Amino acid sequence: MNPIILLYNDAMVLEASEIERGLDHSSPSSAPGPDMTPNSVGKRIDRVVPSHILNRLTPLMSHGFHPPSVKKAGGIVLDQP
């Protein structure tokens, strides 16, 4: 049986500027998730194809789906003024 993931109407709309700002403020040598991929990889991807990360996150947010790897993240990145 295939699960049906319904559209989450209260989802925040992601913008490319939010992702860029978050990556700009992250340390290139740290790894935010269990896959241990350094932030420098995300920064490079965002520089080459800015829409790539946004296109991957938007469907997850719009359906209220949080992958297990996100649920196990050991830290939270907060934007500071």
C-alpha atoms as a PDB file:
ATOM      1  CA  MET A   1       0.000   0.000   0.000  1.00  0.00           C
ATOM      2  CA  ASN A   2       1.419   3.381  -1.001  1.00  0.00           C
ATOM      3  CA  PRO A   3       1.017   6.159   1.548  1.00  0.00           C
ATOM      4  CA  ILE A   4      -0.724   9.310   0.365  1.00  0.00           C
ATOM      5  CA  ILE A   5       0.955  12.535   1.401  1.00  0.00           C
ATOM      6  CA  LEU A   6      -1.572  15.340   1.463  1.00  0.00           C
ATOM      7  CA  LEU A   7      -0.804  18.981   0.756  1.00  0.00           C
ATOM      8  CA  TYR A   8      -0.060  20.939   3.922  1.00  0.00           C
ATOM      9  CA  ASN A   9      -1.926  24.225   3.472  1.00  0.00           C
ATOM     10  CA  ASP A  10      -0.166  26.081   6.313  1.00  0.00           C
ATOM     11  CA  ALA A  11       3.335  25.458   4.960  1.00  0.00           C
ATOM     12  CA  MET A  12       5.717  28.392   4.819  1.00  0.00           C
ATOM     13  CA  VAL A  13       6.774  29.426   1.342  1.00  0.00           C
ATOM     14  CA  LEU A  14      10.514  29.057   0.969  1.00  0.00           C
ATOM     15  CA  GLU A  15      12.494  31.674  -0.873  1.00  0.00           C
ATOM     16  CA  ALA A  16      15.937  31.333  -2.435  1.00  0.00           C
ATOM     17  CA  SER A  17      17.168  34.315  -0.413  1.00  0.00           C
ATOM     18  CA  GLU A  18      16.426  32.427   2.853  1.00  0.00           C
ATOM     19  CA  ILE A  19      18.506  29.458   1.762  1.00  0.00           C
ATOM     20  CA  GLU A  20      21.325  31.713   0.559  1.00  0.00           C
ATOM     21  CA  ARG A  21      21.303  33.665   3.826  1.00  0.00           C
ATOM     22  CA  GLY A  22      21.374  30.451   5.878  1.00  0.00           C
ATOM     23  CA  LEU A  23      24.277  29.056   3.878  1.00  0.00           C
ATOM     24  CA  ASP A  24      26.173  32.355   4.060  1.00  0.00           C
ATOM     25  CA  HIS A  25      26.011  32.276   7.857  1.00  0.00           C
ATOM     26  CA  SER A  26      27.027  28.632   8.215  1.00  0.00           C
ATOM     27  CA  SER A  27      30.588  27.523   8.852  1.00  0.00           C
ATOM     28  CA  PRO A  28      32.006  25.832   5.738  1.00  0.00           C
ATOM     29  CA  SER A  29      33.831  23.250   7.842  1.00  0.00           C
ATOM     30  CA  SER A  30      30.888  22.078   9.973  1.00  0.00           C
ATOM     31  CA  ALA A  31      28.522  19.252   9.066  1.00  0.00           C
ATOM     32  CA  PRO A  32      24.904  19.821  10.150  1.00  0.00           C
ATOM     33  CA  GLY A  33      23.477  16.344   9.621  1.00  0.00           C
ATOM     34  CA  PRO A  34      24.148  12.652  10.138  1.00  0.00           C
ATOM     35  CA  ASP A  35      25.489  12.294   6.591  1.00  0.00           C
ATOM     36  CA  MET A  36      28.479  14.419   7.723  1.00  0.00           C
ATOM     37  CA  THR A  37      28.472  16.435   4.493  1.00  0.00           C
ATOM     38  CA  PRO A  38      30.206  19.748   5.226  1.00  0.00           C
ATOM     39  CA  ASN A  39      28.301  22.993   4.678  1.00  0.00           C
ATOM     40  CA  SER A  40      30.865  23.926   2.028  1.00  0.00           C
ATOM     41  CA  VAL A  41      29.155  21.426  -0.315  1.00  0.00           C
ATOM     42  CA  GLY A  42      25.787  23.184   0.076  1.00  0.00           C
ATOM     43  CA  LYS A  43      27.466  26.536  -0.474  1.00  0.00           C
ATOM     44  CA  ARG A  44      29.030  25.311  -3.729  1.00  0.00           C
ATOM     45  CA  ILE A  45      25.749  23.817  -4.953  1.00  0.00           C
ATOM     46  CA  ASP A  46      23.926  27.064  -4.197  1.00  0.00           C
ATOM     47  CA  ARG A  47      26.552  29.073  -6.108  1.00  0.00           C
ATOM     48  CA  VAL A  48      26.375  26.873  -9.215  1.00  0.00           C
ATOM     49  CA  VAL A  49      22.627  26.088  -9.309  1.00  0.00           C
ATOM     50  CA  PRO A  50      20.799  28.361  -6.834  1.00  0.00           C
ATOM     51  CA  SER A  51      17.404  26.743  -7.438  1.00  0.00           C
ATOM     52  CA  HIS A  52      18.643  23.177  -6.737  1.00  0.00           C
ATOM     53  CA  ILE A  53      18.255  23.238  -2.936  1.00  0.00           C
ATOM     54  CA  LEU A  54      15.027  25.246  -3.126  1.00  0.00           C
ATOM     55  CA  ASN A  55      13.514  22.770  -5.606  1.00  0.00           C
ATOM     56  CA  ARG A  56      14.364  19.872  -3.266  1.00  0.00           C
ATOM     57  CA  LEU A  57      13.016  21.472  -0.079  1.00  0.00           C
ATOM     58  CA  THR A  58       9.796  23.044  -1.398  1.00  0.00           C
ATOM     59  CA  PRO A  59       7.875  19.764  -1.989  1.00  0.00           C
ATOM     60  CA  LEU A  60       8.878  18.506   1.462  1.00  0.00           C
ATOM     61  CA  MET A  61       7.646  21.694   3.126  1.00  0.00           C
ATOM     62  CA  SER A  62       4.437  21.924   1.089  1.00  0.00           C
ATOM     63  CA  HIS A  63       3.460  18.396   2.117  1.00  0.00           C
ATOM     64  CA  GLY A  64       4.597  18.695   5.741  1.00  0.00           C
ATOM     65  CA  PHE A  65       7.076  15.845   5.280  1.00  0.00           C
ATOM     66  CA  HIS A  66      10.225  15.754   7.389  1.00  0.00           C
ATOM     67  CA  PRO A  67      12.694  13.019   6.397  1.00  0.00           C
ATOM     68  CA  PRO A  68      14.102  10.917   9.250  1.00  0.00           C
ATOM     69  CA  SER A  69      17.554  12.440   8.693  1.00  0.00           C
ATOM     70  CA  VAL A  70      16.143  15.906   9.440  1.00  0.00           C
ATOM     71  CA  LYS A  71      14.456  14.633  12.599  1.00  0.00           C
ATOM     72  CA  LYS A  72      17.811  13.293  13.846  1.00  0.00           C
ATOM     73  CA  ALA A  73      19.791  16.480  13.207  1.00  0.00           C
ATOM     74  CA  GLY A  74      22.028  17.365  16.134  1.00  0.00           C
ATOM     75  CA  GLY A  75      21.772  21.127  15.798  1.00  0.00           C
ATOM     76  CA  ILE A  76      19.636  24.003  14.696  1.00  0.00           C
ATOM     77  CA  VAL A  77      20.912  26.918  12.639  1.00  0.00           C
ATOM     78  CA  LEU A  78      19.474  30.227  13.814  1.00  0.00           C
ATOM     79  CA  ASP A  79      19.818  33.365  11.771  1.00  0.00           C
ATOM     80  CA  GLN A  80      21.246  36.172  13.890  1.00  0.00           C
ATOM     81  CA  PRO A  81      20.555  39.843  13.149  1.00  0.00           C
END
